[in-house]
Amino acid sequence: MPVVKILPHDTLCPQGGSVEVPEGTVLCRAMLDNGIEIEHACELSCACPPCHVLVREGGRSLEPATE
């Protein structure tokens, strides 16, 4: 199962961490399911900017974003 590494963030995840995420899982959903209250406003449809994340490594293994 893929592992997502979360970099430390002052309010969302001060210690950072990593979580195993089933392939095909929406990253925002993975964060929320693991207690990281990332801001989101569009029912996880990737239609608004609050839940955007920065992928620093492994981006080539992600599927392209779609509408």
N, C-alpha and C. Protein backbone atom coordinates (compact mmCIF):
# COMPACT_ATOMS: atom_id res chain seq x y z
N MET A 1 0.85 -1.17 0.00
CA MET A 1 0.00 0.00 0.00
C MET A 1 0.90 1.23 0.00
N PRO A 2 0.58 2.24 -0.84
CA PRO A 2 1.39 3.46 -0.87
C PRO A 2 1.39 4.19 0.48
N VAL A 3 2.49 4.86 0.76
CA VAL A 3 2.63 5.64 1.99
C VAL A 3 2.72 7.11 1.60
N VAL A 4 1.91 7.94 2.26
CA VAL A 4 1.96 9.39 2.06
C VAL A 4 2.66 9.99 3.26
N LYS A 5 3.73 10.73 2.99
CA LYS A 5 4.47 11.41 4.05
C LYS A 5 3.92 12.82 4.19
N ILE A 6 3.56 13.19 5.42
CA ILE A 6 3.01 14.51 5.69
C ILE A 6 4.09 15.34 6.38
N LEU A 7 4.46 16.43 5.75
CA LEU A 7 5.45 17.32 6.34
C LEU A 7 4.82 18.09 7.49
N PRO A 8 5.61 18.47 8.48
CA PRO A 8 5.06 19.23 9.61
C PRO A 8 4.38 20.52 9.16
N HIS A 9 3.27 20.82 9.79
CA HIS A 9 2.53 22.06 9.56
C HIS A 9 2.11 22.57 10.94
N ASP A 10 2.35 23.85 11.21
CA ASP A 10 2.14 24.40 12.55
C ASP A 10 0.80 24.04 13.18
N THR A 11 -0.28 24.09 12.42
CA THR A 11 -1.60 23.84 13.01
C THR A 11 -2.22 22.51 12.59
N LEU A 12 -1.98 22.06 11.38
CA LEU A 12 -2.66 20.85 10.90
C LEU A 12 -1.99 19.57 11.37
N CYS A 13 -0.68 19.55 11.41
CA CYS A 13 0.04 18.33 11.77
C CYS A 13 1.44 18.71 12.26
N PRO A 14 1.53 19.27 13.47
CA PRO A 14 2.81 19.82 13.95
C PRO A 14 3.99 18.83 13.91
N GLN A 15 3.73 17.57 14.13
CA GLN A 15 4.81 16.58 14.15
C GLN A 15 5.09 15.96 12.79
N GLY A 16 4.22 16.25 11.80
CA GLY A 16 4.34 15.56 10.53
C GLY A 16 3.93 14.11 10.72
N GLY A 17 4.19 13.30 9.77
CA GLY A 17 3.86 11.89 9.91
C GLY A 17 3.77 11.20 8.57
N SER A 18 3.28 10.00 8.58
CA SER A 18 3.05 9.26 7.35
C SER A 18 1.87 8.33 7.54
N VAL A 19 1.14 8.10 6.48
CA VAL A 19 -0.03 7.22 6.52
C VAL A 19 -0.03 6.32 5.30
N GLU A 20 -0.48 5.10 5.50
CA GLU A 20 -0.68 4.19 4.38
C GLU A 20 -2.04 4.51 3.78
N VAL A 21 -2.07 4.60 2.47
CA VAL A 21 -3.29 5.02 1.78
C VAL A 21 -3.57 4.03 0.65
N PRO A 22 -4.77 3.47 0.62
CA PRO A 22 -5.10 2.57 -0.49
C PRO A 22 -4.97 3.27 -1.84
N GLU A 23 -4.46 2.57 -2.81
CA GLU A 23 -4.31 3.14 -4.15
C GLU A 23 -5.65 3.64 -4.64
N GLY A 24 -5.65 4.82 -5.27
CA GLY A 24 -6.87 5.40 -5.80
C GLY A 24 -7.60 6.31 -4.84
N THR A 25 -7.11 6.43 -3.60
CA THR A 25 -7.75 7.28 -2.60
C THR A 25 -7.45 8.75 -2.90
N VAL A 26 -8.45 9.60 -2.75
CA VAL A 26 -8.26 11.04 -2.90
C VAL A 26 -7.40 11.51 -1.72
N LEU A 27 -6.35 12.29 -1.99
CA LEU A 27 -5.44 12.71 -0.92
C LEU A 27 -6.14 13.46 0.19
N CYS A 28 -7.07 14.33 -0.15
CA CYS A 28 -7.79 15.07 0.88
C CYS A 28 -8.54 14.09 1.79
N ARG A 29 -9.18 13.09 1.22
CA ARG A 29 -9.90 12.08 2.01
C ARG A 29 -8.92 11.34 2.92
N ALA A 30 -7.75 11.00 2.41
CA ALA A 30 -6.75 10.30 3.21
C ALA A 30 -6.34 11.15 4.41
N MET A 31 -6.13 12.44 4.19
CA MET A 31 -5.76 13.34 5.29
C MET A 31 -6.87 13.38 6.34
N LEU A 32 -8.09 13.63 5.89
CA LEU A 32 -9.23 13.72 6.82
C LEU A 32 -9.42 12.43 7.60
N ASP A 33 -9.31 11.30 6.92
CA ASP A 33 -9.49 10.00 7.58
C ASP A 33 -8.42 9.72 8.63
N ASN A 34 -7.30 10.43 8.53
CA ASN A 34 -6.21 10.23 9.48
C ASN A 34 -6.04 11.39 10.45
N GLY A 35 -7.11 12.15 10.64
CA GLY A 35 -7.12 13.18 11.67
C GLY A 35 -6.44 14.48 11.30
N ILE A 36 -6.09 14.65 10.04
CA ILE A 36 -5.46 15.90 9.60
C ILE A 36 -6.56 16.73 8.95
N GLU A 37 -7.02 17.72 9.66
CA GLU A 37 -8.20 18.49 9.25
C GLU A 37 -7.87 19.53 8.19
N ILE A 38 -7.47 19.04 7.01
CA ILE A 38 -7.17 19.92 5.89
C ILE A 38 -8.45 20.64 5.47
N GLU A 39 -8.33 21.92 5.15
CA GLU A 39 -9.48 22.71 4.76
C GLU A 39 -10.00 22.22 3.41
N HIS A 40 -11.32 22.11 3.29
CA HIS A 40 -11.94 21.69 2.03
C HIS A 40 -13.35 22.28 1.99
N ALA A 41 -13.81 22.60 0.80
CA ALA A 41 -15.10 23.27 0.70
C ALA A 41 -15.96 22.78 -0.46
N CYS A 42 -15.51 21.79 -1.20
CA CYS A 42 -16.25 21.42 -2.41
C CYS A 42 -16.57 19.93 -2.45
N GLU A 43 -16.80 19.32 -1.30
CA GLU A 43 -17.14 17.89 -1.26
C GLU A 43 -16.09 17.01 -1.92
N LEU A 44 -14.82 17.40 -1.80
CA LEU A 44 -13.68 16.64 -2.31
C LEU A 44 -13.70 16.45 -3.83
N SER A 45 -14.26 17.40 -4.54
CA SER A 45 -14.32 17.28 -6.00
C SER A 45 -13.15 17.98 -6.69
N CYS A 46 -12.21 18.50 -5.93
CA CYS A 46 -11.03 19.20 -6.47
C CYS A 46 -11.43 20.42 -7.30
N ALA A 47 -12.52 21.07 -6.92
CA ALA A 47 -13.01 22.20 -7.69
C ALA A 47 -12.67 23.55 -7.08
N CYS A 48 -12.04 23.56 -5.92
CA CYS A 48 -11.70 24.83 -5.29
C CYS A 48 -10.30 24.73 -4.68
N PRO A 49 -9.63 25.83 -4.42
CA PRO A 49 -8.24 25.78 -3.97
C PRO A 49 -7.95 25.41 -2.52
N PRO A 50 -8.87 25.44 -1.55
CA PRO A 50 -8.45 25.23 -0.16
C PRO A 50 -7.75 23.91 0.13
N CYS A 51 -8.09 22.83 -0.54
CA CYS A 51 -7.50 21.54 -0.18
C CYS A 51 -6.31 21.15 -1.06
N HIS A 52 -5.80 22.06 -1.85
CA HIS A 52 -4.67 21.71 -2.68
C HIS A 52 -3.46 21.35 -1.82
N VAL A 53 -2.71 20.37 -2.26
CA VAL A 53 -1.51 19.93 -1.55
C VAL A 53 -0.32 20.05 -2.49
N LEU A 54 0.86 20.10 -1.94
CA LEU A 54 2.08 20.16 -2.71
C LEU A 54 2.72 18.77 -2.67
N VAL A 55 2.89 18.16 -3.83
CA VAL A 55 3.53 16.85 -3.93
C VAL A 55 5.00 17.09 -4.24
N ARG A 56 5.87 16.75 -3.29
CA ARG A 56 7.30 17.03 -3.46
C ARG A 56 8.05 15.85 -4.06
N GLU A 57 7.56 14.65 -3.85
CA GLU A 57 8.18 13.44 -4.43
C GLU A 57 7.09 12.47 -4.83
N GLY A 58 7.34 11.69 -5.86
CA GLY A 58 6.41 10.66 -6.25
C GLY A 58 5.27 11.11 -7.13
N GLY A 59 5.30 12.35 -7.58
CA GLY A 59 4.22 12.86 -8.40
C GLY A 59 3.99 12.08 -9.69
N ARG A 60 5.03 11.47 -10.19
CA ARG A 60 4.90 10.70 -11.43
C ARG A 60 4.03 9.45 -11.23
N SER A 61 3.88 9.02 -10.00
CA SER A 61 3.08 7.83 -9.75
C SER A 61 1.60 8.16 -9.58
N LEU A 62 1.26 9.46 -9.56
CA LEU A 62 -0.13 9.88 -9.41
C LEU A 62 -0.83 9.93 -10.76
N GLU A 63 -2.13 9.64 -10.74
CA GLU A 63 -2.92 9.79 -11.96
C GLU A 63 -3.11 11.27 -12.24
N PRO A 64 -3.21 11.66 -13.49
CA PRO A 64 -3.45 13.06 -13.82
C PRO A 64 -4.78 13.53 -13.22
N ALA A 65 -4.84 14.79 -12.82
CA ALA A 65 -6.08 15.36 -12.29
C ALA A 65 -7.11 15.43 -13.42
N THR A 66 -8.35 15.23 -13.06
CA THR A 66 -9.43 15.31 -14.04
C THR A 66 -10.50 16.24 -13.50
N GLU A 67 -11.43 16.61 -14.36
CA GLU A 67 -12.55 17.44 -13.91
C GLU A 67 -13.43 16.64 -13.01
